[in-house]
């Protein structure tokens, strides 16, 4: 599966304020597949996933459970 973190100003703001990570993913990937992948890769629990298709690209907003901080994951990914 090809998931790439998005490092825009808006994405960083979502990490800090809403505990949400933003990824650019393949359009064929389902929310369930993405949830399993994120949970296994980063050892976190996903609360909710929203997707948006923009410029022929699927953007996924992954909200983490309150016990897990998106800032920690973003730091591991080198976004912060």
PDB file of N, CA and C in Angstrom:
ATOM      1  N   UNK A   1       0.855  -1.190   0.000  1.00  0.00           N
ATOM      2  CA  UNK A   1       0.000   0.000   0.000  1.00  0.00           C
ATOM      3  C   UNK A   1       0.889   1.237   0.000  1.00  0.00           C
ATOM      4  N   UNK A   2       0.484   2.224  -0.765  1.00  0.00           N
ATOM      5  CA  UNK A   2       1.283   3.431  -0.907  1.00  0.00           C
ATOM      6  C   UNK A   2       0.603   4.592  -0.178  1.00  0.00           C
ATOM      7  N   UNK A   3       1.067   4.882   1.052  1.00  0.00           N
ATOM      8  CA  UNK A   3       0.528   6.039   1.778  1.00  0.00           C
ATOM      9  C   UNK A   3       1.668   7.010   2.039  1.00  0.00           C
ATOM     10  N   UNK A   4       1.420   8.281   1.697  1.00  0.00           N
ATOM     11  CA  UNK A   4       2.438   9.307   1.891  1.00  0.00           C
ATOM     12  C   UNK A   4       1.877  10.393   2.808  1.00  0.00           C
ATOM     13  N   UNK A   5       2.619  10.766   3.842  1.00  0.00           N
ATOM     14  CA  UNK A   5       2.141  11.851   4.702  1.00  0.00           C
ATOM     15  C   UNK A   5       2.149  13.184   3.958  1.00  0.00           C
ATOM     16  N   UNK A   6       1.173  14.011   4.269  1.00  0.00           N
ATOM     17  CA  UNK A   6       1.071  15.342   3.659  1.00  0.00           C
ATOM     18  C   UNK A   6       1.616  16.348   4.669  1.00  0.00           C
ATOM     19  N   UNK A   7       2.524  17.219   4.219  1.00  0.00           N
ATOM     20  CA  UNK A   7       3.182  18.151   5.127  1.00  0.00           C
ATOM     21  C   UNK A   7       2.868  19.605   4.785  1.00  0.00           C
ATOM     22  N   UNK A   8       1.599  19.900   4.547  1.00  0.00           N
ATOM     23  CA  UNK A   8       1.219  21.288   4.273  1.00  0.00           C
ATOM     24  C   UNK A   8       0.959  22.001   5.599  1.00  0.00           C
ATOM     25  N   UNK A   9       0.802  23.300   5.522  1.00  0.00           N
ATOM     26  CA  UNK A   9       0.530  24.085   6.729  1.00  0.00           C
ATOM     27  C   UNK A   9      -0.788  23.648   7.376  1.00  0.00           C
ATOM     28  N   UNK A  10      -1.798  23.393   6.549  1.00  0.00           N
ATOM     29  CA  UNK A  10      -3.096  22.954   7.050  1.00  0.00           C
ATOM     30  C   UNK A  10      -2.979  21.583   7.726  1.00  0.00           C
ATOM     31  N   UNK A  11      -2.214  20.691   7.130  1.00  0.00           N
ATOM     32  CA  UNK A  11      -2.046  19.345   7.688  1.00  0.00           C
ATOM     33  C   UNK A  11      -1.358  19.408   9.053  1.00  0.00           C
ATOM     34  N   UNK A  12      -0.353  20.257   9.185  1.00  0.00           N
ATOM     35  CA  UNK A  12       0.358  20.403  10.463  1.00  0.00           C
ATOM     36  C   UNK A  12      -0.576  21.001  11.516  1.00  0.00           C
ATOM     37  N   UNK A  13      -1.416  21.957  11.100  1.00  0.00           N
ATOM     38  CA  UNK A  13      -2.378  22.554  12.030  1.00  0.00           C
ATOM     39  C   UNK A  13      -3.355  21.498  12.538  1.00  0.00           C
ATOM     40  N   UNK A  14      -3.811  20.604  11.654  1.00  0.00           N
ATOM     41  CA  UNK A  14      -4.733  19.534  12.042  1.00  0.00           C
ATOM     42  C   UNK A  14      -4.073  18.581  13.036  1.00  0.00           C
ATOM     43  N   UNK A  15      -2.779  18.332  12.863  1.00  0.00           N
ATOM     44  CA  UNK A  15      -2.050  17.475  13.806  1.00  0.00           C
ATOM     45  C   UNK A  15      -2.093  18.103  15.197  1.00  0.00           C
ATOM     46  N   UNK A  16      -1.794  19.399  15.264  1.00  0.00           N
ATOM     47  CA  UNK A  16      -1.705  20.083  16.548  1.00  0.00           C
ATOM     48  C   UNK A  16      -3.065  20.285  17.210  1.00  0.00           C
ATOM     49  N   UNK A  17      -4.077  20.668  16.427  1.00  0.00           N
ATOM     50  CA  UNK A  17      -5.361  21.033  17.017  1.00  0.00           C
ATOM     51  C   UNK A  17      -6.349  19.872  17.138  1.00  0.00           C
ATOM     52  N   UNK A  18      -6.397  18.996  16.121  1.00  0.00           N
ATOM     53  CA  UNK A  18      -7.456  17.985  16.063  1.00  0.00           C
ATOM     54  C   UNK A  18      -6.978  16.547  16.227  1.00  0.00           C
ATOM     55  N   UNK A  19      -5.662  16.337  16.422  1.00  0.00           N
ATOM     56  CA  UNK A  19      -5.102  14.980  16.545  1.00  0.00           C
ATOM     57  C   UNK A  19      -5.367  14.176  15.266  1.00  0.00           C
ATOM     58  N   UNK A  20      -5.204  14.835  14.113  1.00  0.00           N
ATOM     59  CA  UNK A  20      -5.495  14.219  12.812  1.00  0.00           C
ATOM     60  C   UNK A  20      -4.231  14.188  11.952  1.00  0.00           C
ATOM     61  N   UNK A  21      -3.954  13.026  11.374  1.00  0.00           N
ATOM     62  CA  UNK A  21      -2.859  12.876  10.415  1.00  0.00           C
ATOM     63  C   UNK A  21      -3.443  12.904   9.008  1.00  0.00           C
ATOM     64  N   UNK A  22      -2.723  13.498   8.064  1.00  0.00           N
ATOM     65  CA  UNK A  22      -3.202  13.601   6.693  1.00  0.00           C
ATOM     66  C   UNK A  22      -2.271  12.817   5.781  1.00  0.00           C
ATOM     67  N   UNK A  23      -2.862  11.933   4.956  1.00  0.00           N
ATOM     68  CA  UNK A  23      -2.083  11.111   4.040  1.00  0.00           C
ATOM     69  C   UNK A  23      -2.626  11.234   2.621  1.00  0.00           C
ATOM     70  N   UNK A  24      -1.735  11.115   1.665  1.00  0.00           N
ATOM     71  CA  UNK A  24      -2.112  10.999   0.266  1.00  0.00           C
ATOM     72  C   UNK A  24      -2.037   9.512  -0.064  1.00  0.00           C
ATOM     73  N   UNK A  25      -3.160   8.942  -0.533  1.00  0.00           N
ATOM     74  CA  UNK A  25      -3.212   7.498  -0.752  1.00  0.00           C
ATOM     75  C   UNK A  25      -3.723   7.189  -2.151  1.00  0.00           C
ATOM     76  N   UNK A  26      -3.574   5.937  -2.548  1.00  0.00           N
ATOM     77  CA  UNK A  26      -4.077   5.469  -3.833  1.00  0.00           C
ATOM     78  C   UNK A  26      -5.599   5.460  -3.802  1.00  0.00           C
ATOM     79  N   UNK A  27      -6.249   5.792  -4.908  1.00  0.00           N
ATOM     80  CA  UNK A  27      -7.713   5.896  -4.933  1.00  0.00           C
ATOM     81  C   UNK A  27      -8.405   4.562  -4.704  1.00  0.00           C
ATOM     82  N   UNK A  28      -7.720   3.453  -4.914  1.00  0.00           N
ATOM     83  CA  UNK A  28      -8.332   2.139  -4.752  1.00  0.00           C
ATOM     84  C   UNK A  28      -8.364   1.678  -3.297  1.00  0.00           C
ATOM     85  N   UNK A  29      -7.606   2.331  -2.422  1.00  0.00           N
ATOM     86  CA  UNK A  29      -7.506   1.925  -1.019  1.00  0.00           C
ATOM     87  C   UNK A  29      -8.803   2.266  -0.287  1.00  0.00           C
ATOM     88  N   UNK A  30      -9.326   1.288   0.470  1.00  0.00           N
ATOM     89  CA  UNK A  30     -10.547   1.527   1.253  1.00  0.00           C
ATOM     90  C   UNK A  30     -10.182   2.067   2.627  1.00  0.00           C
ATOM     91  N   UNK A  31     -11.186   2.596   3.319  1.00  0.00           N
ATOM     92  CA  UNK A  31     -10.960   3.121   4.667  1.00  0.00           C
ATOM     93  C   UNK A  31     -10.522   2.011   5.619  1.00  0.00           C
ATOM     94  N   UNK A  32     -11.115   0.815   5.472  1.00  0.00           N
ATOM     95  CA  UNK A  32     -10.766  -0.310   6.342  1.00  0.00           C
ATOM     96  C   UNK A  32      -9.312  -0.725   6.141  1.00  0.00           C
ATOM     97  N   UNK A  33      -8.876  -0.778   4.888  1.00  0.00           N
ATOM     98  CA  UNK A  33      -7.484  -1.133   4.602  1.00  0.00           C
ATOM     99  C   UNK A  33      -6.531  -0.092   5.166  1.00  0.00           C
ATOM    100  N   UNK A  34      -6.879   1.172   5.006  1.00  0.00           N
ATOM    101  CA  UNK A  34      -6.042   2.256   5.513  1.00  0.00           C
ATOM    102  C   UNK A  34      -5.965   2.197   7.033  1.00  0.00           C
ATOM    103  N   UNK A  35      -7.093   1.942   7.689  1.00  0.00           N
ATOM    104  CA  UNK A  35      -7.127   1.865   9.151  1.00  0.00           C
ATOM    105  C   UNK A  35      -6.182   0.772   9.655  1.00  0.00           C
ATOM    106  N   UNK A  36      -6.259  -0.427   9.057  1.00  0.00           N
ATOM    107  CA  UNK A  36      -5.382  -1.531   9.455  1.00  0.00           C
ATOM    108  C   UNK A  36      -3.918  -1.166   9.252  1.00  0.00           C
ATOM    109  N   UNK A  37      -3.623  -0.554   8.117  1.00  0.00           N
ATOM    110  CA  UNK A  37      -2.247  -0.189   7.780  1.00  0.00           C
ATOM    111  C   UNK A  37      -1.674   0.831   8.771  1.00  0.00           C
ATOM    112  N   UNK A  38      -2.433   1.897   9.062  1.00  0.00           N
ATOM    113  CA  UNK A  38      -1.966   2.945   9.977  1.00  0.00           C
ATOM    114  C   UNK A  38      -1.800   2.378  11.384  1.00  0.00           C
ATOM    115  N   UNK A  39      -2.762   1.570  11.834  1.00  0.00           N
ATOM    116  CA  UNK A  39      -2.678   0.996  13.179  1.00  0.00           C
ATOM    117  C   UNK A  39      -1.471   0.080  13.319  1.00  0.00           C
ATOM    118  N   UNK A  40      -1.181  -0.711  12.298  1.00  0.00           N
ATOM    119  CA  UNK A  40      -0.040  -1.628  12.394  1.00  0.00           C
ATOM    120  C   UNK A  40       1.295  -0.897  12.236  1.00  0.00           C
ATOM    121  N   UNK A  41       1.346   0.090  11.342  1.00  0.00           N
ATOM    122  CA  UNK A  41       2.603   0.815  11.112  1.00  0.00           C
ATOM    123  C   UNK A  41       3.034   1.654  12.311  1.00  0.00           C
ATOM    124  N   UNK A  42       2.082   2.348  12.918  1.00  0.00           N
ATOM    125  CA  UNK A  42       2.426   3.329  13.945  1.00  0.00           C
ATOM    126  C   UNK A  42       2.020   2.930  15.367  1.00  0.00           C
ATOM    127  N   UNK A  43       1.443   1.733  15.537  1.00  0.00           N
ATOM    128  CA  UNK A  43       1.041   1.251  16.868  1.00  0.00           C
ATOM    129  C   UNK A  43       0.073   2.212  17.553  1.00  0.00           C
ATOM    130  N   UNK A  44      -0.966   2.626  16.843  1.00  0.00           N
ATOM    131  CA  UNK A  44      -1.966   3.552  17.378  1.00  0.00           C
ATOM    132  C   UNK A  44      -3.352   2.986  17.103  1.00  0.00           C
ATOM    133  N   UNK A  45      -4.379   3.600  17.687  1.00  0.00           N
ATOM    134  CA  UNK A  45      -5.770   3.244  17.399  1.00  0.00           C
ATOM    135  C   UNK A  45      -6.396   4.394  16.613  1.00  0.00           C
ATOM    136  N   UNK A  46      -7.051   4.052  15.519  1.00  0.00           N
ATOM    137  CA  UNK A  46      -7.704   5.050  14.669  1.00  0.00           C
ATOM    138  C   UNK A  46      -9.159   5.179  15.103  1.00  0.00           C
ATOM    139  N   UNK A  47      -9.600   6.425  15.298  1.00  0.00           N
ATOM    140  CA  UNK A  47     -10.976   6.676  15.708  1.00  0.00           C
ATOM    141  C   UNK A  47     -11.892   6.844  14.494  1.00  0.00           C
ATOM    142  N   UNK A  48     -11.425   7.618  13.499  1.00  0.00           N
ATOM    143  CA  UNK A  48     -12.271   7.938  12.350  1.00  0.00           C
ATOM    144  C   UNK A  48     -11.395   8.288  11.155  1.00  0.00           C
ATOM    145  N   UNK A  49     -11.897   7.974   9.967  1.00  0.00           N
ATOM    146  CA  UNK A  49     -11.184   8.332   8.734  1.00  0.00           C
ATOM    147  C   UNK A  49     -12.151   9.046   7.794  1.00  0.00           C
ATOM    148  N   UNK A  50     -11.717  10.196   7.291  1.00  0.00           N
ATOM    149  CA  UNK A  50     -12.475  10.913   6.271  1.00  0.00           C
ATOM    150  C   UNK A  50     -11.599  10.960   5.029  1.00  0.00           C
ATOM    151  N   UNK A  51     -12.224  10.834   3.862  1.00  0.00           N
ATOM    152  CA  UNK A  51     -11.445  10.917   2.627  1.00  0.00           C
ATOM    153  C   UNK A  51     -12.009  11.992   1.719  1.00  0.00           C
ATOM    154  N   UNK A  52     -11.137  12.484   0.851  1.00  0.00           N
ATOM    155  CA  UNK A  52     -11.488  13.547  -0.060  1.00  0.00           C
ATOM    156  C   UNK A  52     -10.691  13.335  -1.340  1.00  0.00           C
ATOM    157  N   UNK A  53     -11.327  13.449  -2.491  1.00  0.00           N
ATOM    158  CA  UNK A  53     -10.593  13.312  -3.746  1.00  0.00           C
ATOM    159  C   UNK A  53     -10.411  14.701  -4.336  1.00  0.00           C
ATOM    160  N   UNK A  54      -9.142  15.079  -4.486  1.00  0.00           N
ATOM    161  CA  UNK A  54      -8.784  16.407  -4.950  1.00  0.00           C
ATOM    162  C   UNK A  54      -7.721  16.279  -6.048  1.00  0.00           C
ATOM    163  N   UNK A  55      -7.920  16.897  -7.188  1.00  0.00           N
ATOM    164  CA  UNK A  55      -6.950  16.862  -8.292  1.00  0.00           C
ATOM    165  C   UNK A  55      -6.505  15.436  -8.616  1.00  0.00           C
ATOM    166  N   UNK A  56      -7.467  14.516  -8.699  1.00  0.00           N
ATOM    167  CA  UNK A  56      -7.197  13.118  -9.019  1.00  0.00           C
ATOM    168  C   UNK A  56      -6.307  12.444  -7.974  1.00  0.00           C
ATOM    169  N   UNK A  57      -6.339  12.932  -6.745  1.00  0.00           N
ATOM    170  CA  UNK A  57      -5.573  12.384  -5.641  1.00  0.00           C
ATOM    171  C   UNK A  57      -6.514  12.160  -4.472  1.00  0.00           C
ATOM    172  N   UNK A  58      -6.390  11.032  -3.791  1.00  0.00           N
ATOM    173  CA  UNK A  58      -7.235  10.757  -2.636  1.00  0.00           C
ATOM    174  C   UNK A  58      -6.485  11.164  -1.373  1.00  0.00           C
ATOM    175  N   UNK A  59      -7.082  12.066  -0.610  1.00  0.00           N
ATOM    176  CA  UNK A  59      -6.500  12.553   0.631  1.00  0.00           C
ATOM    177  C   UNK A  59      -7.288  11.942   1.784  1.00  0.00           C
ATOM    178  N   UNK A  60      -6.583  11.358   2.755  1.00  0.00           N
ATOM    179  CA  UNK A  60      -7.239  10.732   3.901  1.00  0.00           C
ATOM    180  C   UNK A  60      -6.869  11.487   5.169  1.00  0.00           C
ATOM    181  N   UNK A  61      -7.904  11.840   5.935  1.00  0.00           N
ATOM    182  CA  UNK A  61      -7.719  12.490   7.235  1.00  0.00           C
ATOM    183  C   UNK A  61      -7.984  11.430   8.295  1.00  0.00           C
ATOM    184  N   UNK A  62      -6.933  11.048   9.028  1.00  0.00           N
ATOM    185  CA  UNK A  62      -7.008   9.948   9.990  1.00  0.00           C
ATOM    186  C   UNK A  62      -6.981  10.523  11.402  1.00  0.00           C
ATOM    187  N   UNK A  63      -8.139  10.448  12.088  1.00  0.00           N
ATOM    188  CA  UNK A  63      -8.230  10.946  13.459  1.00  0.00           C
ATOM    189  C   UNK A  63      -7.844   9.821  14.406  1.00  0.00           C
ATOM    190  N   UNK A  64      -6.877  10.101  15.280  1.00  0.00           N
ATOM    191  CA  UNK A  64      -6.407   9.092  16.220  1.00  0.00           C
ATOM    192  C   UNK A  64      -7.202   9.143  17.518  1.00  0.00           C
ATOM    193  N   UNK A  65      -7.228   8.023  18.223  1.00  0.00           N
ATOM    194  CA  UNK A  65      -7.841   7.943  19.545  1.00  0.00           C
ATOM    195  C   UNK A  65      -7.123   8.924  20.472  1.00  0.00           C
ATOM    196  N   UNK A  66      -7.841   9.449  21.470  1.00  0.00           N
ATOM    197  CA  UNK A  66      -7.278  10.459  22.369  1.00  0.00           C
ATOM    198  C   UNK A  66      -6.042   9.965  23.131  1.00  0.00           C
ATOM    199  N   UNK A  67      -5.931   8.642  23.320  1.00  0.00           N
ATOM    200  CA  UNK A  67      -4.785   8.082  24.056  1.00  0.00           C
ATOM    201  C   UNK A  67      -3.488   8.222  23.265  1.00  0.00           C
ATOM    202  N   UNK A  68      -3.594   8.382  21.949  1.00  0.00           N
ATOM    203  CA  UNK A  68      -2.421   8.449  21.081  1.00  0.00           C
ATOM    204  C   UNK A  68      -2.319   9.843  20.473  1.00  0.00           C
ATOM    205  N   UNK A  69      -1.131  10.411  20.527  1.00  0.00           N
ATOM    206  CA  UNK A  69      -0.941  11.770  20.027  1.00  0.00           C
ATOM    207  C   UNK A  69      -0.421  11.755  18.591  1.00  0.00           C
ATOM    208  N   UNK A  70      -1.103  12.506  17.741  1.00  0.00           N
ATOM    209  CA  UNK A  70      -0.696  12.601  16.333  1.00  0.00           C
ATOM    210  C   UNK A  70       0.659  13.294  16.216  1.00  0.00           C
ATOM    211  N   UNK A  71       0.974  14.166  17.169  1.00  0.00           N
ATOM    212  CA  UNK A  71       2.268  14.867  17.144  1.00  0.00           C
ATOM    213  C   UNK A  71       3.413  13.871  17.241  1.00  0.00           C
ATOM    214  N   UNK A  72       3.256  12.826  18.081  1.00  0.00           N
ATOM    215  CA  UNK A  72       4.311  11.809  18.213  1.00  0.00           C
ATOM    216  C   UNK A  72       4.525  11.094  16.892  1.00  0.00           C
ATOM    217  N   UNK A  73       3.451  10.715  16.215  1.00  0.00           N
ATOM    218  CA  UNK A  73       3.553  10.024  14.927  1.00  0.00           C
ATOM    219  C   UNK A  73       4.157  10.966  13.884  1.00  0.00           C
ATOM    220  N   UNK A  74       3.706  12.215  13.878  1.00  0.00           N
ATOM    221  CA  UNK A  74       4.222  13.205  12.916  1.00  0.00           C
ATOM    222  C   UNK A  74       5.717  13.424  13.128  1.00  0.00           C
ATOM    223  N   UNK A  75       6.174  13.401  14.370  1.00  0.00           N
ATOM    224  CA  UNK A  75       7.585  13.559  14.668  1.00  0.00           C
ATOM    225  C   UNK A  75       8.377  12.371  14.124  1.00  0.00           C
ATOM    226  N   UNK A  76       7.827  11.164  14.300  1.00  0.00           N
ATOM    227  CA  UNK A  76       8.497   9.961  13.767  1.00  0.00           C
ATOM    228  C   UNK A  76       8.594  10.037  12.232  1.00  0.00           C
ATOM    229  N   UNK A  77       7.579  10.604  11.597  1.00  0.00           N
ATOM    230  CA  UNK A  77       7.566  10.728  10.140  1.00  0.00           C
ATOM    231  C   UNK A  77       8.433  11.891   9.642  1.00  0.00           C
ATOM    232  N   UNK A  78       8.905  12.735  10.555  1.00  0.00           N
ATOM    233  CA  UNK A  78       9.742  13.866  10.172  1.00  0.00           C
ATOM    234  C   UNK A  78       8.953  15.073   9.718  1.00  0.00           C
ATOM    235  N   UNK A  79       7.672  15.155  10.085  1.00  0.00           N
ATOM    236  CA  UNK A  79       6.856  16.314   9.692  1.00  0.00           C
ATOM    237  C   UNK A  79       7.007  17.484  10.647  1.00  0.00           C
ATOM    238  N   UNK A  80       7.380  17.206  11.881  1.00  0.00           N
ATOM    239  CA  UNK A  80       7.488  18.267  12.892  1.00  0.00           C
ATOM    240  C   UNK A  80       8.942  18.583  13.168  1.00  0.00           C
TER     241      UNK A  80
END
